[in-house]
């Protein structure tokens, strides 16, 4: 939210702020971070309003990096506290809000795969006929990632 083109201009890395449609080897995929999607994720949605506000950006720009990084870490932790336990435990296939989001998207268009990472929990949930939602989990506690072999997208665990 606050990088203002740094990744694109300095590192030549594309940044997508919304999920993107991809067609790879005849498989339709919707890929994104997953933050703020679905019916819940209320803690993130509240924090995003604060982070995206021009005054917040202006203030943060004037902080020394040592203070700014500590503040960002604190707010990230605080956001997890605000979000509650739903961010740290599996809610069940029917209650996972990114799976619900995927099911709603399937009403408009078919996707073979939905790939997100925001929940930081490894998940692979069938959300429709021939359609799967995969959440990549994380490297810190689950050591999980996704691999597309040209035919299937699968969740893997680093051993």
Protein backbone atom coordinates (compact mmCIF):
# COMPACT_ATOMS: atom_id res chain seq x y z
CA UNK A 1 0.00 0.00 0.00
CA UNK A 2 2.87 2.38 0.71
CA UNK A 3 5.52 1.38 -1.82
CA UNK A 4 4.29 3.86 -4.47
CA UNK A 5 5.68 2.01 -7.49
CA UNK A 6 9.00 0.92 -5.94
CA UNK A 7 8.71 -2.75 -6.96
CA UNK A 8 7.64 -1.87 -10.49
CA UNK A 9 10.13 0.94 -11.12
CA UNK A 10 13.23 -0.16 -9.21
CA UNK A 11 12.93 -3.95 -9.29
CA UNK A 12 10.84 -4.47 -12.46
CA UNK A 13 8.40 -6.67 -10.51
CA UNK A 14 4.72 -6.51 -11.37
CA UNK A 15 2.41 -5.79 -8.44
CA UNK A 16 -1.25 -6.76 -8.63
CA UNK A 17 -3.55 -5.22 -6.03
CA UNK A 18 -6.51 -7.39 -7.02
CA UNK A 19 -6.76 -11.07 -8.02
CA UNK A 20 -5.73 -11.71 -11.62
CA UNK A 21 -7.08 -14.14 -14.21
CA UNK A 22 -4.53 -16.44 -15.80
CA UNK A 23 -4.89 -19.15 -18.40
CA UNK A 24 -1.96 -21.55 -18.23
CA UNK A 25 -1.91 -24.83 -20.20
CA UNK A 26 -5.67 -24.53 -20.74
CA UNK A 27 -6.32 -24.19 -17.00
CA UNK A 28 -8.20 -21.11 -15.82
CA UNK A 29 -6.83 -19.67 -12.59
CA UNK A 30 -7.69 -16.76 -10.34
CA UNK A 31 -4.55 -15.87 -8.39
CA UNK A 32 -4.16 -13.23 -5.70
CA UNK A 33 -3.01 -12.54 -2.18
CA UNK A 34 -6.56 -12.98 -0.87
CA UNK A 35 -6.61 -10.08 1.58
CA UNK A 36 -9.95 -8.35 2.03
CA UNK A 37 -11.88 -10.84 -0.12
CA UNK A 38 -14.91 -12.77 0.99
CA UNK A 39 -17.53 -12.03 3.62
CA UNK A 40 -15.15 -11.79 6.60
CA UNK A 41 -11.52 -10.63 7.05
CA UNK A 42 -12.96 -7.66 8.94
CA UNK A 43 -9.74 -6.93 10.86
CA UNK A 44 -7.79 -6.49 7.66
CA UNK A 45 -10.55 -4.42 6.05
CA UNK A 46 -10.53 -2.02 9.01
CA UNK A 47 -6.73 -1.75 9.07
CA UNK A 48 -6.58 -1.21 5.29
CA UNK A 49 -8.78 1.89 5.63
CA UNK A 50 -6.25 3.32 8.07
CA UNK A 51 -3.16 2.25 6.07
CA UNK A 52 -4.53 3.56 2.76
CA UNK A 53 -5.49 6.98 4.13
CA UNK A 54 -3.27 9.77 2.70
CA UNK A 55 -2.57 11.18 6.16
CA UNK A 56 -1.28 7.80 7.37
CA UNK A 57 0.98 7.52 4.33
CA UNK A 58 2.29 11.06 4.84
CA UNK A 59 2.99 10.43 8.53
CA UNK A 60 4.73 7.10 7.89
CA UNK A 61 6.96 8.62 5.20
CA UNK A 62 8.45 10.99 7.78
CA UNK A 63 9.29 8.32 10.34
CA UNK A 64 12.83 7.01 10.69
CA UNK A 65 12.99 3.47 9.19
CA UNK A 66 13.84 1.93 12.58
CA UNK A 67 10.64 3.39 14.03
CA UNK A 68 8.59 2.74 10.89
CA UNK A 69 9.49 -0.97 10.76
CA UNK A 70 8.70 -1.43 14.46
CA UNK A 71 5.38 0.37 14.01
CA UNK A 72 4.49 -1.79 10.99
CA UNK A 73 5.34 -4.96 12.93
CA UNK A 74 3.24 -3.81 15.88
CA UNK A 75 0.25 -2.95 13.67
CA UNK A 76 0.54 -6.28 11.87
CA UNK A 77 0.44 -8.11 15.20
CA UNK A 78 -2.39 -5.88 16.42
CA UNK A 79 -4.37 -6.65 13.25
CA UNK A 80 -4.12 -10.37 14.06
CA UNK A 81 -5.41 -9.65 17.57
CA UNK A 82 -8.30 -7.60 16.17
CA UNK A 83 -9.16 -10.30 13.63
CA UNK A 84 -9.45 -12.86 16.40
CA UNK A 85 -9.04 -16.62 16.34
CA UNK A 86 -10.56 -17.05 12.87
CA UNK A 87 -7.22 -15.99 11.40
CA UNK A 88 -5.27 -18.74 13.15
CA UNK A 89 -7.52 -21.77 12.91
CA UNK A 90 -9.26 -23.72 10.18
CA UNK A 91 -12.92 -22.75 10.09
CA UNK A 92 -14.18 -25.77 8.16
CA UNK A 93 -14.66 -26.01 4.41
CA UNK A 94 -18.08 -24.35 4.46
CA UNK A 95 -16.95 -21.46 6.67
CA UNK A 96 -13.62 -20.54 5.07
CA UNK A 97 -14.32 -17.10 3.62
CA UNK A 98 -11.90 -17.41 0.69
CA UNK A 99 -13.59 -20.68 -0.27
CA UNK A 100 -16.93 -18.83 -0.10
CA UNK A 101 -15.45 -16.09 -2.29
CA UNK A 102 -14.32 -18.73 -4.81
CA UNK A 103 -17.79 -20.30 -4.90
CA UNK A 104 -19.35 -16.89 -5.62
CA UNK A 105 -16.85 -16.26 -8.42
CA UNK A 106 -17.80 -19.61 -9.97
CA UNK A 107 -21.35 -18.31 -10.39
CA UNK A 108 -19.96 -15.79 -12.92
CA UNK A 109 -17.17 -17.78 -14.60
CA UNK A 110 -15.47 -21.17 -14.41
CA UNK A 111 -12.02 -21.41 -12.87
CA UNK A 112 -10.07 -24.62 -12.46
CA UNK A 113 -8.07 -23.15 -9.58
CA UNK A 114 -8.21 -20.32 -7.06
CA UNK A 115 -4.79 -19.66 -5.52
CA UNK A 116 -4.41 -17.41 -2.48
CA UNK A 117 -2.07 -17.05 0.46
CA UNK A 118 -3.54 -14.48 2.85
CA UNK A 119 -4.80 -16.99 5.42
CA UNK A 120 -1.26 -18.36 5.99
CA UNK A 121 -2.78 -21.82 6.44
CA UNK A 122 -2.34 -24.62 3.90
CA UNK A 123 -5.72 -25.60 2.45
CA UNK A 124 -7.00 -27.45 -0.55
CA UNK A 125 -10.79 -27.31 -0.86
CA UNK A 126 -13.03 -28.43 -3.70
CA UNK A 127 -15.29 -25.44 -4.34
CA UNK A 128 -17.16 -26.68 -7.40
CA UNK A 129 -17.20 -29.30 -10.07
CA UNK A 130 -13.61 -29.42 -11.38
CA UNK A 131 -12.64 -26.35 -9.32
CA UNK A 132 -10.25 -26.18 -6.37
CA UNK A 133 -9.29 -23.44 -3.91
CA UNK A 134 -5.70 -23.67 -2.68
CA UNK A 135 -4.19 -21.53 0.05
CA UNK A 136 -0.41 -21.78 0.05
CA UNK A 137 0.07 -21.55 3.80
CA UNK A 138 3.46 -20.15 4.80
CA UNK A 139 7.17 -20.89 5.00
CA UNK A 140 7.55 -20.12 8.70
CA UNK A 141 5.39 -22.76 10.37
CA UNK A 142 3.92 -24.95 7.60
CA UNK A 143 6.69 -24.97 4.93
CA UNK A 144 4.04 -25.17 2.20
CA UNK A 145 3.86 -23.92 -1.36
CA UNK A 146 1.96 -24.63 -4.58
CA UNK A 147 3.29 -26.16 -7.80
CA UNK A 148 1.68 -26.24 -11.23
CA UNK A 149 3.08 -29.06 -13.38
CA UNK A 150 1.24 -28.05 -16.55
CA UNK A 151 -1.74 -30.26 -15.72
CA UNK A 152 -2.55 -29.82 -12.03
CA UNK A 153 -1.96 -27.25 -9.31
CA UNK A 154 -1.02 -28.99 -6.07
CA UNK A 155 -0.14 -28.00 -2.53
CA UNK A 156 3.26 -29.28 -1.45
CA UNK A 157 5.25 -29.35 1.79
CA UNK A 158 8.98 -28.76 1.84
CA UNK A 159 10.76 -31.66 3.58
